[in-house]
Amino acid sequence: MAEKRTYKSVGVDVDIGNKLVKRIRPLVKTSFRPEVMTDIGGFGGLFSLNIAKYKRPVLVSTTDGVGTKLKIAFMMDKHDTVGIDLVAMCVNDVVTLGAEPLFFLDYISTSKLVLDKAEQIIQGIVDGCKEAGCSLIGGETAEMPSFYSDDEYDLVGFAVGVVDNDNIIDGSTITKGDKLIGITSSGLHSNGYSLVRKVLFDDLDLDVAARVEEFEKPIGEELLKPTKIYAKAILTLIRDFKIHGISHITGGGLVENIPRILPKGCQALVYKDSWDVPPIFRFIKEKGNVDEYEMFKTFNNGIGMVVAVSPPEVEDVLIRLRGLEQKACIIGEITQREKGQKSIKIL
């Protein structure tokens, strides 16, 4: 008699998923804001929005992933920080519109669900949510045998925030004379890793355990530094200053992301020598034979967030950022864009 087929026999163990929910329930609850109405494990998460705080509340939503940075986590078998990256990539986008992150959802897909590994990932997501001030209220974990290589997984995150309609920051008030303040990154964040892996592991034949003079940590640890979460710092600035525009420097680097917030007729001048570029970027540029424009178009080069403010507020904003333990400096300014000119110029 032929063996009876079950879902488990083809590689999907529903019981493991149920065990994971039970294991992470106390962990996830530590991220709950008072507005959360449901526990995890249901068909949906309920969040009671306090509309009394807003005249005309507008919801802001984003979704993102960690990309091939996950390959470094696989190589090192270290999974407790990529969840922070996942949250950061989403909430940093939410706050560029002046919105407060409210809640977060995650999607984890893998060939085979391993409880300890999944718990490490979710620990990072919880840590990121707590740092951003939002709640992890639900998600999905999918076992997909033969779809991924053994021991590999992918992550996707979804964040929702809220901003009063009158307080939306969309760059429309940016004007000639505004200064661009750059807030430093923690490293590569979560962009450009396909190029990074090609340079470091293929061209230079390095190992994640390799030590390079320029770095305090082994290569793998340097590459796995979590993406900085700017939510609380940016929300503090928004509360106390008139911020004209905010750009999250993700894929596309300074070259692609600053123009996304510029009104017609405005050009951003970025002075490349106005901040210290961290060693990891200099190493990639020199050892990988990557030209300067490509570096600025691919990586954050040490600047993770850019805010546009009027000249009279610049010094106060910088002082406030220092008080928030954020390194920042003036990296450029806004000028009039003439016909035929590009929207950004790196000088």
Protein backbone atom coordinates (compact mmCIF):
# COMPACT_ATOMS: atom_id res chain seq x y z
CA MET A 1 0.00 0.00 0.00
CA ALA A 2 1.29 3.42 -0.95
CA GLU A 3 2.32 5.74 1.86
CA LYS A 4 -0.37 8.26 2.70
CA ARG A 5 0.66 11.78 1.95
CA THR A 6 0.52 14.50 4.59
CA TYR A 7 1.53 18.14 4.56
CA LYS A 8 4.35 17.29 6.96
CA SER A 9 5.67 14.56 4.65
CA VAL A 10 6.34 17.13 1.93
CA GLY A 11 8.14 19.50 4.29
CA VAL A 12 5.51 21.75 5.86
CA ASP A 13 5.06 21.29 9.62
CA VAL A 14 2.03 23.28 10.84
CA ASP A 15 2.74 22.25 14.43
CA ILE A 16 6.11 23.99 14.33
CA GLY A 17 4.37 27.21 13.30
CA ASN A 18 1.98 26.90 16.22
CA LYS A 19 4.88 26.30 18.59
CA LEU A 20 6.58 29.43 17.28
CA VAL A 21 3.51 31.57 17.99
CA LYS A 22 3.38 30.29 21.57
CA ARG A 23 7.09 30.89 22.04
CA ILE A 24 7.15 34.45 20.71
CA ARG A 25 3.84 35.66 22.22
CA PRO A 26 5.41 37.06 25.44
CA LEU A 27 8.25 38.58 23.42
CA VAL A 28 5.96 40.35 20.95
CA LYS A 29 3.76 41.74 23.74
CA THR A 30 6.69 43.80 24.98
CA SER A 31 6.32 45.96 21.85
CA PHE A 32 2.59 46.66 22.36
CA ARG A 33 1.42 50.25 22.62
CA PRO A 34 -1.80 50.93 24.61
CA GLU A 35 -3.76 51.12 21.34
CA VAL A 36 -3.19 47.43 20.52
CA MET A 37 -6.42 45.49 21.05
CA THR A 38 -5.50 41.94 20.05
CA ASP A 39 -2.90 39.29 20.80
CA ILE A 40 -0.89 37.74 17.98
CA GLY A 41 -2.12 34.54 16.39
CA GLY A 42 -5.52 35.75 15.19
CA PHE A 43 -6.65 36.44 11.66
CA GLY A 44 -5.81 40.13 11.98
CA GLY A 45 -4.43 42.68 14.40
CA LEU A 46 -6.64 45.41 15.86
CA PHE A 47 -5.25 48.84 16.63
CA SER A 48 -7.47 51.58 18.08
CA LEU A 49 -6.38 54.90 16.59
CA ASN A 50 -6.83 57.81 18.98
CA ILE A 51 -8.33 60.27 16.50
CA ALA A 52 -8.79 62.89 19.22
CA LYS A 53 -5.09 63.70 18.78
CA TYR A 54 -5.60 64.75 15.17
CA LYS A 55 -7.78 67.17 13.24
CA ARG A 56 -7.56 65.19 10.02
CA PRO A 57 -5.57 61.99 10.56
CA VAL A 58 -3.87 60.52 7.50
CA LEU A 59 -2.45 56.99 7.54
CA VAL A 60 0.97 56.39 6.00
CA SER A 61 2.03 52.89 4.92
CA THR A 62 5.28 51.41 3.65
CA THR A 63 6.73 48.02 2.85
CA ASP A 64 10.32 46.92 2.40
CA GLY A 65 12.78 44.10 2.91
CA VAL A 66 16.40 43.53 3.88
CA GLY A 67 17.64 42.36 0.49
CA THR A 68 20.80 40.35 0.07
CA LYS A 69 22.15 41.51 3.42
CA LEU A 70 20.42 38.32 4.54
CA LYS A 71 23.16 36.39 2.76
CA ILE A 72 25.62 37.70 5.36
CA ALA A 73 23.34 36.49 8.15
CA PHE A 74 23.26 33.05 6.53
CA MET A 75 27.04 32.98 6.18
CA MET A 76 27.51 33.89 9.84
CA ASP A 77 24.49 31.96 11.14
CA LYS A 78 23.57 35.11 13.05
CA HIS A 79 19.95 36.17 12.83
CA ASP A 80 19.22 38.51 15.73
CA THR A 81 19.87 41.82 13.95
CA VAL A 82 18.25 41.51 10.50
CA GLY A 83 14.87 42.06 12.13
CA ILE A 84 16.08 45.49 13.24
CA ASP A 85 17.04 46.18 9.64
CA LEU A 86 13.58 45.15 8.51
CA VAL A 87 11.83 47.56 10.87
CA ALA A 88 14.29 50.36 10.13
CA MET A 89 13.81 50.21 6.37
CA CYS A 90 10.07 50.69 6.81
CA VAL A 91 9.74 53.14 9.72
CA ASN A 92 12.50 55.40 8.38
CA ASP A 93 10.35 55.83 5.27
CA VAL A 94 7.21 56.50 7.34
CA VAL A 95 8.79 59.36 9.29
CA THR A 96 9.97 61.16 6.14
CA LEU A 97 6.34 62.25 5.73
CA GLY A 98 6.17 63.53 9.29
CA ALA A 99 4.25 60.48 10.48
CA GLU A 100 4.54 58.61 13.76
CA PRO A 101 4.97 54.83 13.25
CA LEU A 102 2.09 52.98 14.90
CA PHE A 103 2.31 49.29 14.10
CA PHE A 104 4.29 46.77 12.12
CA LEU A 105 3.64 43.46 10.37
CA ASP A 106 6.22 40.94 9.20
CA TYR A 107 6.40 38.16 6.64
CA ILE A 108 8.99 35.40 7.02
CA SER A 109 9.26 32.78 4.28
CA THR A 110 11.68 29.89 4.50
CA SER A 111 12.39 26.42 3.21
CA LYS A 112 12.08 24.89 6.67
CA LEU A 113 11.02 26.66 9.85
CA VAL A 114 13.63 26.36 12.60
CA LEU A 115 12.27 27.57 15.94
CA ASP A 116 15.45 29.03 17.41
CA LYS A 117 16.35 30.84 14.20
CA ALA A 118 12.84 32.24 13.76
CA GLU A 119 12.80 33.43 17.37
CA GLN A 120 16.09 35.27 16.83
CA ILE A 121 14.66 37.01 13.77
CA ILE A 122 11.54 38.06 15.62
CA GLN A 123 13.60 39.21 18.60
CA GLY A 124 15.28 41.66 16.22
CA ILE A 125 11.93 42.80 14.85
CA VAL A 126 10.65 43.41 18.39
CA ASP A 127 13.82 45.30 19.29
CA GLY A 128 13.41 47.48 16.20
CA CYS A 129 9.74 48.15 16.94
CA LYS A 130 10.50 49.19 20.50
CA GLU A 131 13.25 51.51 19.29
CA ALA A 132 10.85 53.06 16.75
CA GLY A 133 7.98 53.30 19.24
CA CYS A 134 5.63 51.08 17.24
CA SER A 135 3.99 47.71 17.90
CA LEU A 136 4.43 44.35 16.21
CA ILE A 137 0.79 43.28 15.95
CA GLY A 138 0.93 40.40 13.51
CA GLY A 139 2.65 38.63 10.66
CA GLU A 140 2.98 35.48 8.63
CA THR A 141 5.50 32.67 8.66
CA ALA A 142 5.47 30.50 5.55
CA GLU A 143 7.29 27.21 5.02
CA MET A 144 8.01 26.77 1.31
CA PRO A 145 10.03 23.57 0.73
CA SER A 146 12.20 23.56 -2.41
CA PHE A 147 11.42 27.23 -3.04
CA TYR A 148 14.43 28.40 -1.02
CA SER A 149 17.77 26.77 -0.45
CA ASP A 150 18.10 24.89 2.81
CA ASP A 151 18.58 27.19 5.83
CA GLU A 152 17.68 30.31 3.85
CA TYR A 153 14.75 32.69 4.31
CA ASP A 154 13.39 36.02 3.14
CA LEU A 155 11.89 38.87 5.13
CA VAL A 156 9.34 41.53 4.27
CA GLY A 157 8.01 44.21 6.60
CA PHE A 158 4.99 46.48 6.57
CA ALA A 159 4.65 49.64 8.68
CA VAL A 160 1.71 51.96 9.25
CA GLY A 161 1.96 55.43 10.74
CA VAL A 162 -0.24 58.49 11.18
CA VAL A 163 0.18 62.21 10.60
CA ASP A 164 -2.23 65.13 10.75
CA ASN A 165 -3.07 66.31 7.25
CA ASP A 166 -1.84 69.82 8.03
CA ASN A 167 1.52 68.45 9.21
CA ILE A 168 2.42 66.23 6.26
CA ILE A 169 6.01 66.82 5.16
CA ASP A 170 6.28 66.25 1.41
CA GLY A 171 9.09 68.60 0.41
CA SER A 172 6.72 71.13 -1.16
CA THR A 173 7.95 73.91 1.14
CA ILE A 174 11.61 73.39 0.26
CA THR A 175 12.97 76.59 -1.25
CA LYS A 176 16.14 78.22 -2.49
CA GLY A 177 18.53 78.89 0.39
CA ASP A 178 17.44 75.96 2.55
CA LYS A 179 20.26 73.98 4.12
CA LEU A 180 20.59 70.20 3.97
CA ILE A 181 21.51 68.56 7.26
CA GLY A 182 22.83 65.02 7.02
CA ILE A 183 22.41 62.62 9.93
CA THR A 184 25.05 59.90 9.96
CA SER A 185 24.35 56.27 9.21
CA SER A 186 25.52 53.27 11.25
CA GLY A 187 27.22 51.81 8.18
CA LEU A 188 25.94 50.24 4.99
CA HIS A 189 22.41 49.89 6.41
CA SER A 190 20.55 47.53 4.01
CA ASN A 191 21.49 48.64 0.52
CA GLY A 192 24.11 47.74 -2.05
CA TYR A 193 24.90 44.28 -0.66
CA SER A 194 24.95 42.53 -4.03
CA LEU A 195 27.84 44.79 -5.04
CA VAL A 196 29.45 44.50 -1.59
CA ARG A 197 29.39 40.70 -1.68
CA LYS A 198 30.83 40.68 -5.21
CA VAL A 199 33.73 42.91 -4.18
CA LEU A 200 34.53 41.40 -0.79
CA PHE A 201 33.80 37.72 -1.23
CA ASP A 202 34.25 37.11 -4.96
CA ASP A 203 36.89 39.61 -6.08
CA LEU A 204 38.92 39.83 -2.85
CA ASP A 205 38.12 36.27 -1.71
CA LEU A 206 37.59 37.38 1.89
CA ASP A 207 35.75 35.39 4.53
CA VAL A 208 33.18 36.76 7.02
CA ALA A 209 35.71 36.05 9.78
CA ALA A 210 38.48 37.98 8.02
CA ARG A 211 39.97 40.93 9.85
CA VAL A 212 40.89 44.01 7.87
CA GLU A 213 43.04 46.77 9.31
CA GLU A 214 40.45 49.47 8.58
CA PHE A 215 37.74 47.83 10.71
CA GLU A 216 37.51 47.19 14.44
CA LYS A 217 35.43 44.04 13.87
CA PRO A 218 35.63 41.08 11.48
CA ILE A 219 34.17 41.74 8.04
CA GLY A 220 30.97 39.82 8.74
CA GLU A 221 30.17 41.82 11.87
CA GLU A 222 30.89 45.08 10.06
CA LEU A 223 28.47 44.12 7.31
CA LEU A 224 25.76 43.04 9.74
CA LYS A 225 25.64 46.33 11.68
CA PRO A 226 21.92 47.07 12.03
CA THR A 227 20.34 49.91 10.08
CA LYS A 228 19.91 52.97 12.27
CA ILE A 229 16.33 53.80 13.24
CA TYR A 230 15.74 57.56 13.07
CA ALA A 231 12.07 57.65 14.08
CA LYS A 232 12.30 59.19 17.54
CA ALA A 233 14.95 61.74 16.54
CA ILE A 234 13.00 62.87 13.48
CA LEU A 235 9.71 63.09 15.39
CA THR A 236 11.41 65.28 17.99
CA LEU A 237 12.68 67.62 15.27
CA ILE A 238 9.24 67.78 13.67
CA ARG A 239 7.67 68.68 17.00
CA ASP A 240 9.96 71.62 17.67
CA PHE A 241 11.11 72.90 14.28
CA LYS A 242 9.73 73.66 10.85
CA ILE A 243 11.21 70.88 8.74
CA HIS A 244 10.75 71.46 5.01
CA GLY A 245 11.67 68.02 3.73
CA ILE A 246 13.10 64.68 4.83
CA SER A 247 14.88 62.10 2.69
CA HIS A 248 15.74 58.55 3.80
CA ILE A 249 18.96 57.58 2.01
CA THR A 250 18.29 54.01 0.93
CA GLY A 251 18.74 52.25 -2.42
CA GLY A 252 19.86 54.83 -4.96
CA GLY A 253 21.97 56.69 -2.41
CA LEU A 254 22.09 60.46 -2.15
CA VAL A 255 21.85 60.81 -5.93
CA GLU A 256 18.41 59.20 -6.21
CA ASN A 257 16.79 59.89 -2.85
CA ILE A 258 17.27 63.61 -2.25
CA PRO A 259 15.61 64.55 -5.60
CA ARG A 260 12.51 62.59 -4.54
CA ILE A 261 11.55 65.41 -2.16
CA LEU A 262 12.55 68.43 -4.26
CA PRO A 263 9.95 70.74 -5.81
CA LYS A 264 10.31 71.77 -9.45
CA GLY A 265 12.81 74.53 -9.85
CA CYS A 266 14.99 73.38 -6.95
CA GLN A 267 18.44 71.83 -7.16
CA ALA A 268 20.33 70.19 -4.30
CA LEU A 269 24.04 70.90 -4.01
CA VAL A 270 25.78 68.27 -1.89
CA TYR A 271 29.32 68.93 -0.70
CA LYS A 272 31.02 65.55 -0.57
CA ASP A 273 33.84 66.69 1.74
CA SER A 274 31.49 68.04 4.41
CA TRP A 275 31.33 64.79 6.41
CA ASP A 276 33.63 61.91 7.28
CA VAL A 277 32.95 58.88 5.09
CA PRO A 278 33.20 55.67 7.21
CA PRO A 279 36.00 53.21 6.37
CA ILE A 280 33.67 50.53 4.93
CA PHE A 281 32.70 52.82 2.03
CA ARG A 282 36.26 53.89 1.32
CA PHE A 283 37.35 50.24 1.36
CA ILE A 284 34.65 49.20 -1.13
CA LYS A 285 35.47 52.14 -3.42
CA GLU A 286 39.21 51.51 -3.46
CA LYS A 287 39.38 47.71 -3.41
CA GLY A 288 36.39 47.26 -5.66
CA ASN A 289 37.42 49.88 -8.20
CA VAL A 290 34.01 51.55 -7.86
CA ASP A 291 33.88 55.08 -9.25
CA GLU A 292 32.71 57.97 -7.10
CA TYR A 293 29.39 58.56 -8.86
CA GLU A 294 28.49 54.87 -8.54
CA MET A 295 29.25 55.05 -4.81
CA PHE A 296 26.90 58.00 -4.36
CA LYS A 297 24.22 56.29 -6.46
CA THR A 298 24.42 52.95 -4.63
CA PHE A 299 25.34 53.59 -0.99
CA ASN A 300 24.51 56.07 1.75
CA ASN A 301 28.25 56.82 2.17
CA GLY A 302 27.74 57.61 5.85
CA ILE A 303 24.57 59.74 5.63
CA GLY A 304 21.37 57.88 6.44
CA MET A 305 18.85 60.71 6.63
CA VAL A 306 18.76 64.24 5.22
CA VAL A 307 16.53 67.05 6.45
CA ALA A 308 15.97 70.39 4.72
CA VAL A 309 15.57 73.42 6.99
CA SER A 310 15.68 77.19 6.63
CA PRO A 311 19.00 78.87 7.53
CA PRO A 312 17.79 80.51 10.78
CA GLU A 313 16.97 77.11 12.28
CA VAL A 314 20.07 75.22 11.24
CA GLU A 315 22.16 75.71 14.38
CA ASP A 316 19.28 74.91 16.72
CA VAL A 317 18.48 71.74 14.77
CA LEU A 318 22.11 70.63 14.94
CA ILE A 319 22.22 71.30 18.69
CA ARG A 320 19.04 69.30 19.18
CA LEU A 321 20.39 66.38 17.17
CA ARG A 322 23.55 66.35 19.27
CA GLY A 323 21.33 66.25 22.35
CA LEU A 324 19.60 63.23 20.82
CA GLU A 325 23.03 61.58 20.37
CA GLN A 326 22.85 61.88 16.60
CA LYS A 327 25.91 62.99 14.68
CA ALA A 328 24.90 65.51 12.04
CA CYS A 329 26.30 68.33 9.93
CA ILE A 330 25.42 70.62 7.04
CA ILE A 331 26.09 68.66 3.86
CA GLY A 332 24.56 70.93 1.25
CA GLU A 333 22.02 73.53 0.25
CA ILE A 334 19.16 74.21 -2.12
CA THR A 335 19.63 76.47 -5.14
CA GLN A 336 17.53 77.39 -8.12
CA ARG A 337 17.45 74.76 -10.82
CA GLU A 338 17.87 76.11 -14.32
CA LYS A 339 16.48 74.44 -17.41
CA GLY A 340 18.57 71.44 -18.41
CA GLN A 341 20.22 71.07 -15.02
CA LYS A 342 20.00 67.90 -12.95
CA SER A 343 18.08 68.05 -9.68
CA ILE A 344 21.19 67.17 -7.66
CA LYS A 345 24.86 67.98 -8.01
CA ILE A 346 27.62 66.37 -5.97
CA LEU A 347 30.47 68.84 -5.55
